[in-house]
């Protein structure tokens, strides 16, 4: 029991009270990174309701699958590769459900309706809106996982979604061409099977990079892309066996026997995709959760101390004509949690104490003083930080409160004032006969 409690305490507290730079070996860094990522994914699974989001995406995909395939087939017709698309669908899980002919017939009718509707263009607009709404819901789910508050602009959304729809048939055709080449050189079993996994890994990795409205590092997308892509392929294989095992359901459901299996497959596929997005976020932001509990309880005095220390480091480097540092470099320099460094640097930028400088040919920003360093005193810095934000926003403050605020602004040695005497006005002497003047 003691060992178990030690493990729990380590995972819950001790593991986070250490920055990555303090770990003295690559093996420890990798080990800590893996454990932290697992913990963050498990935490995000519950706190961000990934299961409910997966259900929501499942129903969105059910409604959008025909319009999406219609758009893909329209692009495929332009390239003259419709047969490759149909062959890819037949080799997927959908081919085992015998739904491909039905879906393709619906796609053909959808395209005919869009081209020759009663009202010119209305069918096409409905098709485009269905596809756009689905992709937007996926992007919203990814942004929620990444804690991104702002979505792409409508123009960027449309161009990104169109690029994805054009890219899908191109990738399928390229995959088919490579498959034929591998079959003639390596063989049917090993080469083609490995190629299918590689294509899925690539698709998942590109999805984790392109969909969130934030910069995602390649390695942060590659690891979940490989893991979730592999699980996706295994899920397809299991679903094929499940269809064969549950063939007796046709007695109960008749022609609808494959629908429950299809919806279950879509739900678990959506869940795998979302878990992969959460893993991508956890890998990239692993350091953001170092000292998490301590930072949430950090005193104002200690925040001011770290902020003044960071400012002094930046000023000394500036005066010595040394290259400015990024937030990550400042954190590594003194084994500081990157989350605290980012918050304090952002606060000093907002108050006009620092300015962000982008290094040429690099996207990371560095920090330099925004004022004359000889005029930057501790008191001036603390005063600016203290006054940051909105003030006097109350509509009807009491006269006594107004008097308190006026005196608070004018007293220099405020730390020596008694709270009980603090709000005495200029014309109201205190017990010692003093006035504000």
Protein backbone atom coordinates (compact mmCIF):
# COMPACT_ATOMS: atom_id res chain seq x y z
CA UNK A 1 0.00 0.00 0.00
CA UNK A 2 2.86 2.39 0.75
CA UNK A 3 4.46 1.68 -2.61
CA UNK A 4 1.11 2.21 -4.34
CA UNK A 5 0.57 5.52 -2.52
CA UNK A 6 4.13 6.59 -3.48
CA UNK A 7 3.38 5.85 -7.13
CA UNK A 8 0.13 7.81 -6.97
CA UNK A 9 1.87 10.76 -5.30
CA UNK A 10 4.63 10.66 -7.91
CA UNK A 11 2.18 10.70 -10.83
CA UNK A 12 -0.07 13.30 -9.22
CA UNK A 13 2.52 15.73 -7.76
CA UNK A 14 6.22 14.88 -7.79
CA UNK A 15 6.50 14.20 -11.51
CA UNK A 16 5.30 17.73 -12.30
CA UNK A 17 7.60 19.47 -9.79
CA UNK A 18 10.52 19.18 -12.14
CA UNK A 19 11.31 20.88 -15.45
CA UNK A 20 12.47 18.87 -18.43
CA UNK A 21 15.88 20.58 -18.36
CA UNK A 22 16.50 19.26 -14.84
CA UNK A 23 16.36 15.64 -16.04
CA UNK A 24 19.97 14.60 -16.56
CA UNK A 25 19.55 11.89 -19.22
CA UNK A 26 17.63 11.48 -22.50
CA UNK A 27 16.10 8.23 -21.21
CA UNK A 28 14.60 10.05 -18.22
CA UNK A 29 13.27 12.83 -20.44
CA UNK A 30 11.60 10.31 -22.74
CA UNK A 31 10.23 8.29 -19.81
CA UNK A 32 8.84 11.33 -18.04
CA UNK A 33 7.43 12.63 -21.33
CA UNK A 34 5.61 9.37 -22.04
CA UNK A 35 4.10 9.14 -18.53
CA UNK A 36 3.10 12.82 -18.53
CA UNK A 37 1.50 12.47 -21.97
CA UNK A 38 -0.55 9.44 -20.85
CA UNK A 39 -1.71 11.31 -17.75
CA UNK A 40 -2.62 14.44 -19.75
CA UNK A 41 -4.53 12.43 -22.37
CA UNK A 42 -6.48 10.60 -19.64
CA UNK A 43 -7.20 13.92 -17.92
CA UNK A 44 -8.26 15.58 -21.17
CA UNK A 45 -10.48 12.62 -22.11
CA UNK A 46 -12.64 13.29 -19.08
CA UNK A 47 -12.41 17.07 -18.73
CA UNK A 48 -13.05 17.78 -22.43
CA UNK A 49 -15.81 15.16 -22.86
CA UNK A 50 -14.16 13.50 -25.85
CA UNK A 51 -16.69 10.66 -25.83
CA UNK A 52 -19.63 13.06 -26.18
CA UNK A 53 -17.77 15.01 -28.87
CA UNK A 54 -17.14 11.76 -30.77
CA UNK A 55 -20.88 10.97 -30.68
CA UNK A 56 -21.64 14.45 -32.01
CA UNK A 57 -19.14 14.04 -34.86
CA UNK A 58 -20.61 10.62 -35.68
CA UNK A 59 -24.04 12.08 -36.37
CA UNK A 60 -22.49 14.99 -38.27
CA UNK A 61 -20.58 12.54 -40.44
CA UNK A 62 -23.70 10.44 -41.08
CA UNK A 63 -25.44 13.51 -42.51
CA UNK A 64 -22.35 14.74 -44.38
CA UNK A 65 -20.95 11.48 -45.78
CA UNK A 66 -22.95 11.62 -49.03
CA UNK A 67 -22.20 15.34 -49.73
CA UNK A 68 -18.50 14.77 -48.94
CA UNK A 69 -18.31 11.76 -51.26
CA UNK A 70 -20.22 13.76 -53.88
CA UNK A 71 -17.58 16.51 -53.72
CA UNK A 72 -14.75 13.95 -53.85
CA UNK A 73 -16.35 12.18 -56.80
CA UNK A 74 -16.85 15.50 -58.59
CA UNK A 75 -13.14 16.22 -58.22
CA UNK A 76 -12.30 12.63 -59.20
CA UNK A 77 -14.36 12.98 -62.38
CA UNK A 78 -12.34 16.04 -63.27
CA UNK A 79 -9.14 13.99 -62.93
CA UNK A 80 -10.73 10.92 -64.55
CA UNK A 81 -9.99 8.66 -61.58
CA UNK A 82 -13.49 7.68 -60.40
CA UNK A 83 -12.67 3.97 -60.65
CA UNK A 84 -9.80 4.37 -58.17
CA UNK A 85 -12.15 6.01 -55.64
CA UNK A 86 -14.71 3.22 -55.96
CA UNK A 87 -11.99 0.58 -55.64
CA UNK A 88 -10.66 2.26 -52.47
CA UNK A 89 -14.17 2.32 -50.95
CA UNK A 90 -14.70 -1.36 -51.75
CA UNK A 91 -11.43 -2.27 -50.02
CA UNK A 92 -12.34 -0.30 -46.90
CA UNK A 93 -14.71 -1.24 -44.08
CA UNK A 94 -17.64 0.18 -46.10
CA UNK A 95 -17.04 -2.47 -48.75
CA UNK A 96 -17.66 -5.21 -46.18
CA UNK A 97 -21.02 -3.69 -45.23
CA UNK A 98 -22.29 -3.90 -48.84
CA UNK A 99 -23.27 -0.25 -48.58
CA UNK A 100 -20.95 1.07 -51.29
CA UNK A 101 -23.39 0.51 -54.22
CA UNK A 102 -26.17 2.21 -52.23
CA UNK A 103 -23.95 5.13 -51.24
CA UNK A 104 -22.62 5.56 -54.79
CA UNK A 105 -26.16 5.59 -56.15
CA UNK A 106 -27.06 8.31 -53.64
CA UNK A 107 -23.95 10.26 -54.64
CA UNK A 108 -24.93 10.10 -58.31
CA UNK A 109 -28.44 11.34 -57.53
CA UNK A 110 -26.97 14.09 -55.33
CA UNK A 111 -24.70 15.29 -58.15
CA UNK A 112 -27.56 15.19 -60.66
CA UNK A 113 -29.74 17.22 -58.29
CA UNK A 114 -26.96 19.75 -57.69
CA UNK A 115 -26.40 20.18 -61.45
CA UNK A 116 -30.02 20.32 -62.54
CA UNK A 117 -32.05 21.47 -59.60
CA UNK A 118 -35.33 23.32 -59.90
CA UNK A 119 -33.61 26.47 -58.72
CA UNK A 120 -30.24 27.05 -60.36
CA UNK A 121 -27.38 26.67 -57.89
CA UNK A 122 -29.50 25.77 -54.83
CA UNK A 123 -28.53 22.09 -54.96
CA UNK A 124 -24.85 23.02 -55.22
CA UNK A 125 -25.14 25.48 -52.33
CA UNK A 126 -26.76 22.83 -50.11
CA UNK A 127 -23.98 20.39 -51.01
CA UNK A 128 -21.25 22.93 -50.23
CA UNK A 129 -22.93 23.96 -46.97
CA UNK A 130 -23.22 20.35 -45.75
CA UNK A 131 -19.51 19.76 -46.40
CA UNK A 132 -18.52 23.10 -44.86
CA UNK A 133 -20.61 22.50 -41.73
CA UNK A 134 -19.02 19.10 -41.13
CA UNK A 135 -15.44 20.34 -41.53
CA UNK A 136 -16.21 23.31 -39.29
CA UNK A 137 -17.49 21.00 -36.55
CA UNK A 138 -14.28 18.95 -36.80
CA UNK A 139 -12.13 22.09 -36.61
CA UNK A 140 -14.14 23.33 -33.61
CA UNK A 141 -13.56 20.02 -31.81
CA UNK A 142 -9.82 20.18 -32.50
CA UNK A 143 -9.61 23.84 -31.42
CA UNK A 144 -11.38 22.98 -28.15
CA UNK A 145 -8.78 20.28 -27.49
CA UNK A 146 -5.95 22.73 -28.23
CA UNK A 147 -7.62 25.50 -26.13
CA UNK A 148 -7.72 27.72 -29.23
CA UNK A 149 -10.40 30.36 -28.75
CA UNK A 150 -10.49 31.73 -32.30
CA UNK A 151 -11.30 29.78 -35.46
CA UNK A 152 -9.91 30.50 -38.90
CA UNK A 153 -11.50 33.22 -40.99
CA UNK A 154 -14.20 32.03 -43.38
CA UNK A 155 -11.90 32.54 -46.37
CA UNK A 156 -9.15 30.42 -44.78
CA UNK A 157 -11.70 27.77 -43.78
CA UNK A 158 -13.08 27.49 -47.32
CA UNK A 159 -9.63 27.34 -48.96
CA UNK A 160 -8.40 24.74 -46.43
CA UNK A 161 -11.46 22.52 -46.83
CA UNK A 162 -11.32 22.70 -50.62
CA UNK A 163 -7.62 21.78 -50.52
CA UNK A 164 -8.46 18.73 -48.37
CA UNK A 165 -11.21 17.61 -50.76
CA UNK A 166 -8.86 17.95 -53.74
CA UNK A 167 -6.05 16.21 -51.86
CA UNK A 168 -8.11 13.10 -50.97
CA UNK A 169 -8.54 11.75 -54.55
CA UNK A 170 -4.95 12.69 -55.39
CA UNK A 171 -3.65 10.67 -52.41
CA UNK A 172 -5.91 7.73 -53.29
CA UNK A 173 -4.63 7.70 -56.88
CA UNK A 174 -1.00 7.99 -55.73
CA UNK A 175 -1.58 5.18 -53.23
CA UNK A 176 -3.11 2.99 -55.95
CA UNK A 177 -0.18 3.65 -58.26
CA UNK A 178 2.38 2.85 -55.57
CA UNK A 179 0.40 -0.30 -54.67
CA UNK A 180 0.62 -1.57 -58.25
CA UNK A 181 4.35 -0.86 -58.25
CA UNK A 182 4.89 -2.66 -54.92
CA UNK A 183 2.83 -5.66 -56.06
CA UNK A 184 5.10 -6.11 -59.06
CA UNK A 185 8.34 -5.72 -57.09
CA UNK A 186 7.88 -6.73 -53.42
CA UNK A 187 4.81 -8.92 -53.43
CA UNK A 188 1.15 -8.86 -52.53
CA UNK A 189 1.21 -9.59 -48.79
CA UNK A 190 4.04 -7.73 -47.06
CA UNK A 191 4.59 -4.73 -49.32
CA UNK A 192 0.97 -3.75 -49.89
CA UNK A 193 0.00 -4.29 -46.23
CA UNK A 194 2.85 -2.06 -45.03
CA UNK A 195 1.98 0.57 -47.65
CA UNK A 196 -1.61 0.79 -46.44
CA UNK A 197 -0.38 1.52 -42.92
CA UNK A 198 2.06 4.17 -44.19
CA UNK A 199 -0.69 5.96 -46.15
CA UNK A 200 -2.99 5.99 -43.10
CA UNK A 201 -0.14 7.27 -40.90
CA UNK A 202 0.47 10.07 -43.37
CA UNK A 203 -3.21 11.03 -43.54
CA UNK A 204 -3.60 11.11 -39.74
CA UNK A 205 -0.38 13.12 -39.32
CA UNK A 206 -1.45 15.69 -41.91
CA UNK A 207 -4.86 15.96 -40.24
CA UNK A 208 -3.33 16.69 -36.83
CA UNK A 209 -1.14 19.39 -38.39
CA UNK A 210 -3.68 21.07 -40.68
CA UNK A 211 -6.98 21.04 -38.77
CA UNK A 212 -6.22 22.96 -35.51
CA UNK A 213 -5.98 26.74 -35.90
CA UNK A 214 -2.52 26.81 -34.32
CA UNK A 215 1.02 25.80 -35.19
CA UNK A 216 1.55 22.08 -34.56
CA UNK A 217 5.08 20.69 -34.62
CA UNK A 218 5.65 17.75 -36.95
CA UNK A 219 6.84 15.37 -34.23
CA UNK A 220 3.79 16.26 -32.12
CA UNK A 221 1.55 15.13 -34.98
CA UNK A 222 3.64 12.20 -36.20
CA UNK A 223 3.56 10.15 -32.97
CA UNK A 224 -0.26 10.19 -32.56
CA UNK A 225 -0.57 9.88 -36.35
CA UNK A 226 1.28 6.54 -36.27
CA UNK A 227 -0.45 5.26 -33.11
CA UNK A 228 -4.01 6.27 -34.05
CA UNK A 229 -3.50 5.29 -37.69
CA UNK A 230 -2.44 1.81 -36.59
CA UNK A 231 -5.41 1.51 -34.22
CA UNK A 232 -7.70 2.72 -37.03
CA UNK A 233 -6.48 -0.06 -39.32
CA UNK A 234 -6.90 -2.62 -36.54
CA UNK A 235 -10.40 -1.30 -35.86
CA UNK A 236 -11.28 -1.84 -39.52
CA UNK A 237 -10.03 -5.43 -39.33
CA UNK A 238 -11.99 -6.10 -36.14
CA UNK A 239 -15.11 -4.59 -37.68
CA UNK A 240 -14.87 -6.96 -40.65
CA UNK A 241 -14.80 -9.95 -38.29
CA UNK A 242 -17.63 -8.38 -36.28
CA UNK A 243 -19.82 -8.17 -39.38
CA UNK A 244 -19.25 -11.83 -40.07
CA UNK A 245 -19.91 -12.75 -36.43
CA UNK A 246 -23.07 -10.66 -36.20
CA UNK A 247 -24.50 -11.71 -39.53
CA UNK A 248 -27.41 -13.19 -37.58
CA UNK A 249 -28.55 -9.62 -36.78
CA UNK A 250 -30.09 -9.57 -40.23
CA UNK A 251 -32.85 -11.72 -38.75
CA UNK A 252 -33.84 -8.83 -36.46
CA UNK A 253 -32.85 -5.76 -38.48
CA UNK A 254 -33.27 -7.10 -42.00
CA UNK A 255 -31.81 -4.70 -44.58
CA UNK A 256 -30.77 -2.32 -41.77
CA UNK A 257 -28.45 -4.87 -40.13
CA UNK A 258 -25.27 -3.03 -41.14
CA UNK A 259 -26.41 0.39 -39.87
CA UNK A 260 -25.73 -0.21 -36.13
CA UNK A 261 -22.30 -1.63 -36.96
CA UNK A 262 -21.56 1.28 -39.30
CA UNK A 263 -22.51 3.88 -36.69
CA UNK A 264 -20.49 2.10 -34.00
CA UNK A 265 -17.48 2.01 -36.32
CA UNK A 266 -17.86 5.71 -37.12
CA UNK A 267 -18.16 6.59 -33.43
CA UNK A 268 -15.01 4.72 -32.43
CA UNK A 269 -13.18 6.13 -35.44
CA UNK A 270 -14.14 9.65 -34.34
CA UNK A 271 -13.05 8.84 -30.79
CA UNK A 272 -9.65 7.59 -32.01
CA UNK A 273 -9.17 10.78 -34.02
CA UNK A 274 -10.01 12.98 -31.01
CA UNK A 275 -7.75 10.99 -28.66
CA UNK A 276 -4.96 11.44 -31.19
CA UNK A 277 -5.59 15.20 -31.24
CA UNK A 278 -5.46 15.25 -27.42
CA UNK A 279 -2.19 13.29 -27.53
CA UNK A 280 -0.75 15.73 -30.06
CA UNK A 281 -1.66 18.62 -27.74
CA UNK A 282 -0.18 16.82 -24.70
CA UNK A 283 3.12 16.08 -26.48
CA UNK A 284 3.57 19.66 -27.68
CA UNK A 285 2.47 21.29 -24.40
CA UNK A 286 3.99 18.83 -21.96
CA UNK A 287 6.12 21.52 -20.34
CA UNK A 288 3.09 23.80 -19.83
CA UNK A 289 1.91 21.58 -16.97
CA UNK A 290 5.15 21.61 -14.94
CA UNK A 291 4.57 22.94 -11.40
CA UNK A 292 0.88 23.26 -12.32
CA UNK A 293 -0.50 23.06 -8.78
CA UNK A 294 2.20 25.32 -7.38
CA UNK A 295 1.62 27.94 -10.09
CA UNK A 296 -2.10 28.02 -9.37
CA UNK A 297 -1.32 28.76 -5.70
CA UNK A 298 1.68 31.04 -6.27
CA UNK A 299 1.70 34.22 -4.15
CA UNK A 300 1.66 37.65 -5.73
CA UNK A 301 5.05 38.42 -4.12
CA UNK A 302 6.70 35.41 -5.76
CA UNK A 303 5.15 36.30 -9.12
CA UNK A 304 6.57 39.81 -8.82
CA UNK A 305 9.97 38.37 -7.87
CA UNK A 306 10.14 36.05 -10.92
CA UNK A 307 8.89 38.85 -13.18
CA UNK A 308 11.56 41.29 -11.92
CA UNK A 309 14.22 38.61 -12.27
CA UNK A 310 13.25 37.89 -15.89
CA UNK A 311 13.22 41.60 -16.62
CA UNK A 312 16.69 42.01 -15.12
CA UNK A 313 18.06 39.17 -17.27
CA UNK A 314 16.58 40.71 -20.43
CA UNK A 315 17.91 44.20 -19.54
CA UNK A 316 21.44 42.91 -18.77
CA UNK A 317 21.61 41.05 -22.07
CA UNK A 318 20.32 44.13 -23.91
CA UNK A 319 22.90 46.42 -22.28
CA UNK A 320 25.67 43.90 -23.00
CA UNK A 321 24.57 43.82 -26.67
CA UNK A 322 23.84 40.09 -26.48
CA UNK A 323 21.21 38.29 -28.55
CA UNK A 324 17.70 38.40 -27.06
CA UNK A 325 16.22 35.16 -25.72
CA UNK A 326 12.94 33.40 -26.41
CA UNK A 327 10.55 32.42 -23.61
CA UNK A 328 11.74 28.82 -23.89
CA UNK A 329 15.39 29.85 -23.61
CA UNK A 330 14.63 32.01 -20.58
CA UNK A 331 12.84 29.08 -18.94
CA UNK A 332 15.72 26.66 -19.65
CA UNK A 333 18.32 29.13 -18.36
CA UNK A 334 17.08 28.97 -14.76
CA UNK A 335 14.92 25.81 -14.80
CA UNK A 336 11.72 27.87 -14.65
CA UNK A 337 8.30 26.48 -15.63
CA UNK A 338 7.56 27.64 -19.17
CA UNK A 339 3.92 28.36 -18.32
CA UNK A 340 4.90 30.95 -15.68
CA UNK A 341 7.51 32.50 -18.00
CA UNK A 342 4.98 32.87 -20.84
CA UNK A 343 2.37 34.43 -18.55
CA UNK A 344 4.76 36.94 -16.97
CA UNK A 345 6.38 37.92 -20.27
CA UNK A 346 2.95 38.48 -21.84
CA UNK A 347 1.99 40.64 -18.88
CA UNK A 348 5.11 42.81 -19.26
CA UNK A 349 4.46 43.17 -23.00
CA UNK A 350 0.88 44.31 -22.32
CA UNK A 351 2.09 46.94 -19.83
CA UNK A 352 4.68 48.31 -22.26
CA UNK A 353 7.75 47.14 -20.34
CA UNK A 354 8.88 44.67 -23.01
CA UNK A 355 8.41 44.33 -26.74
CA UNK A 356 8.31 41.20 -28.86
CA UNK A 357 10.96 40.87 -31.57
CA UNK A 358 10.83 38.17 -34.22
CA UNK A 359 14.22 36.87 -35.30
CA UNK A 360 14.78 36.90 -39.05
CA UNK A 361 13.87 33.60 -40.77
CA UNK A 362 12.44 32.27 -37.48
CA UNK A 363 8.88 32.24 -36.19
CA UNK A 364 9.72 32.29 -32.47
CA UNK A 365 9.61 35.66 -30.76
CA UNK A 366 12.27 37.08 -28.46
CA UNK A 367 11.97 39.84 -25.86
CA UNK A 368 13.73 43.20 -25.44
CA UNK A 369 13.13 46.26 -23.21
CA UNK A 370 10.50 48.65 -24.56
CA UNK A 371 11.71 51.63 -22.46
CA UNK A 372 14.96 53.35 -21.55
CA UNK A 373 16.59 50.82 -19.21
CA UNK A 374 18.14 53.61 -17.08
CA UNK A 375 14.67 54.87 -16.18
CA UNK A 376 13.21 51.47 -15.31
CA UNK A 377 13.06 51.22 -11.53
CA UNK A 378 11.55 48.48 -9.38
CA UNK A 379 8.87 50.88 -8.15
CA UNK A 380 7.92 51.97 -11.66
CA UNK A 381 7.69 48.37 -12.87
CA UNK A 382 5.54 47.26 -9.94
CA UNK A 383 3.31 50.32 -10.33
CA UNK A 384 2.70 49.53 -14.00
CA UNK A 385 1.94 45.90 -13.25
CA UNK A 386 -0.35 46.90 -10.39
CA UNK A 387 -2.31 49.33 -12.58
CA UNK A 388 -2.73 46.87 -15.46
CA UNK A 389 -6.35 46.20 -16.40
CA UNK A 390 -9.62 48.09 -16.03
CA UNK A 391 -10.34 50.36 -13.06
CA UNK A 392 -13.22 52.47 -11.74
CA UNK A 393 -15.80 50.53 -13.74
CA UNK A 394 -18.44 50.58 -10.99
CA UNK A 395 -21.46 52.66 -11.95
CA UNK A 396 -22.47 53.87 -8.48
CA UNK A 397 -19.65 53.58 -5.93
CA UNK A 398 -20.35 54.99 -2.49
CA UNK A 399 -18.81 58.36 -1.48
CA UNK A 400 -16.75 56.58 1.16
CA UNK A 401 -15.38 54.21 -1.49
CA UNK A 402 -14.52 57.13 -3.79
CA UNK A 403 -12.64 58.77 -0.94
CA UNK A 404 -10.79 55.51 -0.26
CA UNK A 405 -9.77 55.24 -3.93
CA UNK A 406 -8.54 58.85 -4.06
CA UNK A 407 -6.38 58.37 -0.99
CA UNK A 408 -5.09 55.01 -2.28
CA UNK A 409 -3.74 56.73 -5.40
CA UNK A 410 -2.08 59.66 -3.62
CA UNK A 411 -0.32 58.01 -0.66
CA UNK A 412 3.31 57.13 -1.39
CA UNK A 413 4.21 55.07 1.67
CA UNK A 414 0.98 53.13 1.60
CA UNK A 415 2.43 50.16 3.44
CA UNK A 416 2.68 52.21 6.64
CA UNK A 417 -0.96 53.26 6.66
CA UNK A 418 -3.47 51.76 9.05
CA UNK A 419 -6.46 50.21 7.31
CA UNK A 420 -8.78 51.85 9.84
CA UNK A 421 -7.37 55.33 9.07
CA UNK A 422 -6.88 54.79 5.36
CA UNK A 423 -10.10 56.31 4.02
CA UNK A 424 -9.98 59.54 6.07
CA UNK A 425 -10.51 62.43 3.67
CA UNK A 426 -8.43 65.54 3.18
CA UNK A 427 -10.70 67.64 5.37
CA UNK A 428 -11.18 64.98 8.08
CA UNK A 429 -8.21 64.83 10.50
CA UNK A 430 -7.47 61.56 12.18
CA UNK A 431 -6.87 61.02 15.92
CA UNK A 432 -3.37 62.47 15.64
CA UNK A 433 -4.64 65.61 13.94
CA UNK A 434 -3.24 64.71 10.49
CA UNK A 435 -4.93 65.49 7.21
CA UNK A 436 -4.24 64.22 3.72
CA UNK A 437 -2.22 67.36 2.95
